[in-house]
Protein backbone atom coordinates (compact mmCIF):
# COMPACT_ATOMS: atom_id res chain seq x y z
CA MET A 1 -12.52 -20.83 -0.92
CA SER A 2 -10.52 -21.58 -4.03
CA LEU A 3 -8.53 -18.74 -5.46
CA PRO A 4 -8.63 -18.40 -9.53
CA PHE A 5 -4.79 -18.07 -10.05
CA THR A 6 -3.31 -20.99 -11.85
CA PRO A 7 -1.64 -23.98 -9.60
CA ALA A 8 2.02 -22.47 -10.48
CA GLU A 9 0.94 -18.85 -9.49
CA LEU A 10 -0.81 -20.40 -6.26
CA ARG A 11 2.56 -21.99 -5.22
CA ARG A 12 4.45 -18.69 -5.69
CA LEU A 13 2.20 -16.86 -3.63
CA ARG A 14 1.84 -19.24 -1.03
CA SER A 15 5.76 -19.88 -0.88
CA LEU A 16 5.90 -16.33 0.71
CA ARG A 17 4.45 -17.58 3.58
CA THR A 18 4.14 -14.37 5.75
CA PRO A 19 3.37 -10.77 5.21
CA HIS A 20 7.08 -10.04 5.48
CA GLY A 21 7.81 -12.72 2.92
CA ILE A 22 5.52 -10.80 0.84
CA GLN A 23 7.07 -7.74 1.51
CA LEU A 24 10.35 -9.08 0.70
CA PHE A 25 9.33 -10.45 -2.82
CA LEU A 26 7.75 -6.75 -3.39
CA ASP A 27 11.20 -5.19 -2.62
CA THR A 28 12.77 -7.35 -5.28
CA MET A 29 10.70 -5.45 -7.96
CA PRO A 30 11.54 -2.21 -9.31
CA TYR A 31 9.29 0.73 -8.96
CA HIS A 32 7.14 0.98 -11.80
CA LEU A 33 6.50 4.78 -12.86
CA ALA A 34 3.78 4.00 -15.56
CA THR A 35 0.37 5.20 -15.10
CA THR A 36 -1.29 1.56 -14.91
CA ALA A 37 -3.60 -0.44 -12.73
CA TRP A 38 -2.50 -3.88 -13.01
CA SER A 39 -4.05 -6.95 -11.39
CA PRO A 40 -1.87 -9.09 -9.11
CA ARG A 41 -1.47 -11.66 -12.06
CA ARG A 42 0.06 -8.94 -14.28
CA VAL A 43 2.14 -7.80 -11.50
CA LEU A 44 3.42 -11.41 -10.83
CA ARG A 45 4.26 -11.88 -14.54
CA GLU A 46 5.89 -8.50 -15.11
CA ARG A 47 7.75 -8.33 -11.94
CA THR A 48 7.46 -4.86 -11.53
CA ALA A 49 4.94 -2.38 -9.63
CA HIS A 50 4.12 1.10 -8.15
CA CYS A 51 2.15 1.73 -4.67
CA LEU A 52 -1.37 0.93 -5.76
CA GLU A 53 -0.57 -2.26 -7.75
CA ALA A 54 1.85 -3.45 -5.14
CA ALA A 55 -0.82 -2.97 -2.59
CA ILE A 56 -3.44 -4.81 -4.48
CA PHE A 57 -0.67 -7.53 -5.18
CA ALA A 58 -0.10 -7.84 -1.60
CA ALA A 59 -3.82 -7.96 -0.55
CA ALA A 60 -3.91 -11.05 -3.01
CA ALA A 61 -0.91 -12.61 -1.52
CA LEU A 62 -2.06 -12.22 1.89
CA ARG A 63 -5.32 -13.81 0.90
CA ALA A 64 -3.53 -16.87 -0.51
CA ILE A 65 -1.76 -17.12 2.85
CA GLY A 66 -4.90 -16.98 4.79
CA PHE A 67 -5.56 -13.18 5.53
CA PRO A 68 -8.51 -11.21 4.36
CA PRO A 69 -7.29 -8.98 1.33
CA LEU A 70 -7.49 -5.59 2.80
CA LEU A 71 -6.32 -2.22 1.55
CA ALA A 72 -6.14 1.14 3.33
CA ASP A 73 -5.77 4.52 1.74
CA LEU A 74 -3.49 7.27 3.21
CA GLU A 75 -4.61 10.51 1.97
CA ALA A 76 -2.09 13.37 1.41
CA GLU A 77 -2.38 17.24 0.85
CA HIS A 78 -0.51 18.51 -2.43
CA ASP A 79 1.06 15.17 -2.72
CA THR A 80 -0.25 11.64 -4.10
CA ASP A 81 -1.99 9.16 -1.90
CA HIS A 82 -0.29 6.04 -0.60
CA VAL A 83 -2.25 2.81 -0.96
CA ILE A 84 -1.22 -0.25 1.55
CA ALA A 85 -2.45 -3.62 2.17
CA VAL A 86 -3.02 -4.00 5.96
CA PHE A 87 -3.24 -7.26 8.00
CA ARG A 88 -3.92 -8.17 11.51
CA VAL A 89 -1.77 -10.51 13.87
CA ALA A 90 -2.82 -11.05 17.61
CA GLY A 91 -5.32 -8.08 16.99
CA LEU A 92 -2.37 -5.82 16.09
CA TRP A 93 -2.27 -3.96 12.63
CA GLY A 94 0.62 -4.10 10.10
CA ALA A 95 1.10 -3.35 6.50
CA VAL A 96 2.80 -4.31 3.39
CA ALA A 97 3.51 -1.50 0.65
CA LYS A 98 5.90 -0.32 -1.82
CA SER A 99 6.80 3.63 -2.53
CA ASN A 100 9.29 5.63 -4.46
CA TYR A 101 10.31 7.05 -1.15
CA ALA A 102 12.29 5.37 1.79
CA PHE A 103 10.31 4.68 4.87
CA LEU A 104 6.98 4.14 3.57
CA GLU A 105 6.84 0.66 3.21
CA TYR A 106 6.53 -2.62 5.64
CA ARG A 107 5.24 -2.08 9.09
CA GLU A 108 5.63 -4.51 11.70
CA PRO A 109 1.93 -5.76 13.39
CA ILE A 110 2.57 -3.67 16.66
CA HIS A 111 -0.30 -0.99 15.97
CA ARG A 112 -3.22 -1.19 18.13
CA THR A 113 -5.47 0.93 15.79
CA LEU A 114 -5.50 1.94 12.19
CA ARG A 115 -4.72 5.46 13.29
CA GLU A 116 -1.59 4.22 15.26
CA LEU A 117 -0.56 2.62 11.89
CA ALA A 118 -1.46 5.78 9.73
CA ILE A 119 0.35 7.90 12.08
CA SER A 120 3.50 5.84 11.77
CA TYR A 121 3.81 7.05 7.75
CA PHE A 122 3.82 10.78 8.92
CA PRO A 123 7.29 11.53 9.57
CA ALA A 124 8.53 10.26 6.45
CA TYR A 125 5.63 11.38 4.11
CA PHE A 126 6.61 14.31 2.38
CA ASN A 127 6.60 16.02 -1.29
CA LEU A 128 9.35 17.36 -3.15
CA ARG A 129 8.81 20.78 -1.92
CA ARG A 130 9.91 19.24 1.44
CA ALA A 131 6.37 19.51 3.08
CA ARG A 132 4.79 17.01 5.32
CA THR A 133 1.77 16.13 3.46
CA LEU A 134 -0.02 13.09 4.93
CA ARG A 135 -3.43 13.95 6.50
CA THR A 136 -5.96 11.13 6.78
CA TYR A 137 -6.36 7.28 6.68
CA SER A 138 -9.46 5.21 5.31
CA ARG A 139 -11.17 2.38 6.97
CA PRO A 140 -9.92 -1.10 5.48
CA VAL A 141 -11.46 -2.22 2.39
CA ASP A 142 -11.85 -5.96 1.94
CA LEU A 143 -11.12 -6.54 -2.08
CA SER A 144 -13.29 -9.56 -1.95
CA ARG A 145 -16.07 -7.21 -2.78
CA PHE A 146 -14.78 -7.19 -6.32
CA ASP A 147 -14.31 -10.97 -6.79
CA ALA A 148 -17.07 -10.94 -9.35
CA ARG A 149 -15.15 -8.47 -11.49
CA GLY A 150 -11.99 -10.75 -11.38
CA TRP A 151 -9.64 -8.21 -9.56
CA MET A 152 -6.76 -10.67 -8.69
CA THR A 153 -6.35 -12.46 -12.47
CA THR A 154 -7.86 -9.99 -14.97
CA GLU A 155 -5.75 -8.77 -17.91
CA LYS A 156 -7.76 -5.50 -17.87
CA SER A 157 -7.05 -2.58 -15.58
CA VAL A 158 -8.44 -2.56 -12.08
CA TRP A 159 -9.04 1.44 -11.76
CA TYR A 160 -12.27 0.55 -10.18
CA ILE A 161 -10.35 -0.08 -6.83
CA PRO A 162 -8.79 3.17 -6.58
CA GLU A 163 -11.95 4.81 -7.74
CA TYR A 164 -13.83 3.24 -4.93
CA LEU A 165 -11.19 4.26 -2.43
CA LEU A 166 -11.86 7.85 -3.36
CA THR A 167 -15.61 7.30 -2.60
CA ILE A 168 -15.33 6.06 0.93
CA GLY A 169 -14.82 8.24 4.24
CA HIS A 170 -11.44 9.06 5.38
CA THR A 171 -10.42 10.04 9.02
CA ARG A 172 -8.38 13.29 9.61
CA PHE A 173 -5.59 13.15 12.02
CA VAL A 174 -3.91 16.36 11.13
CA PRO A 175 -6.24 19.39 11.92
CA LYS A 176 -6.12 21.86 9.32
CA ALA A 177 -5.00 24.66 11.89
CA VAL A 178 -2.06 22.56 12.84
CA ALA A 179 -1.19 21.53 9.15
CA LYS A 180 -0.56 25.22 8.64
CA ARG A 181 2.11 25.41 11.12
CA LEU A 182 3.99 21.93 10.10
CA THR A 183 7.65 22.47 9.56
CA ARG A 184 9.51 21.58 6.40
CA LEU A 185 11.73 18.59 6.14
CA GLU A 186 15.40 19.18 7.23
CA GLU A 187 18.16 18.38 5.05
CA ARG A 188 19.08 14.95 6.26
CA THR A 189 15.84 13.39 6.64
CA TRP A 190 15.16 14.68 3.19
CA LYS A 191 18.00 12.98 1.68
CA ALA A 192 17.37 9.77 3.56
CA GLY A 193 13.76 9.84 2.13
CA LEU A 194 15.02 9.83 -1.46
CA VAL A 195 17.43 6.93 -1.36
CA GLY A 196 16.53 4.72 -4.12
CA HIS A 197 14.33 7.22 -5.44
CA ARG A 198 13.26 6.98 -9.29
CA TRP A 199 12.80 9.95 -11.14
């Protein structure tokens, strides 16, 4: 399928070559603190992104190098969700992501299931009260369902993507009874998780 990017945009996306190449490109961008929902074209132009925008960008970049454009939503309690672009290599799941917290970004494709992938984010997923907050994960969403709305190249906001993520089912992997007994982060993990954090 032909993608709606310009030849120059496509060359840039395809030059990233691998999921890890996409991650390295996102790592060069400062974390974007504004409440926006930019398309991949806008992120490519502005060279900045937050969690949601980076995941949507990564989904488009994955598509440009031959992967399906898949997102998954990690849902937290008393915290913000984390959206990741997911991919499979040899049947194993990995992820490309950007976060304002350390350790919530790239995942190597070593996870047999999405549950395994989601759990890998649990140890470093916390809020500013040091509470461990990750609770559920969604099934993968193929963003090609939004092709008719021009999600990859529009100059308009793509809020319909996160709005859709809120409507789909999520699978809980931290039982409510267990969540009440979770310990707070110790000092060293707390400090490590905030390395590079933008306030």
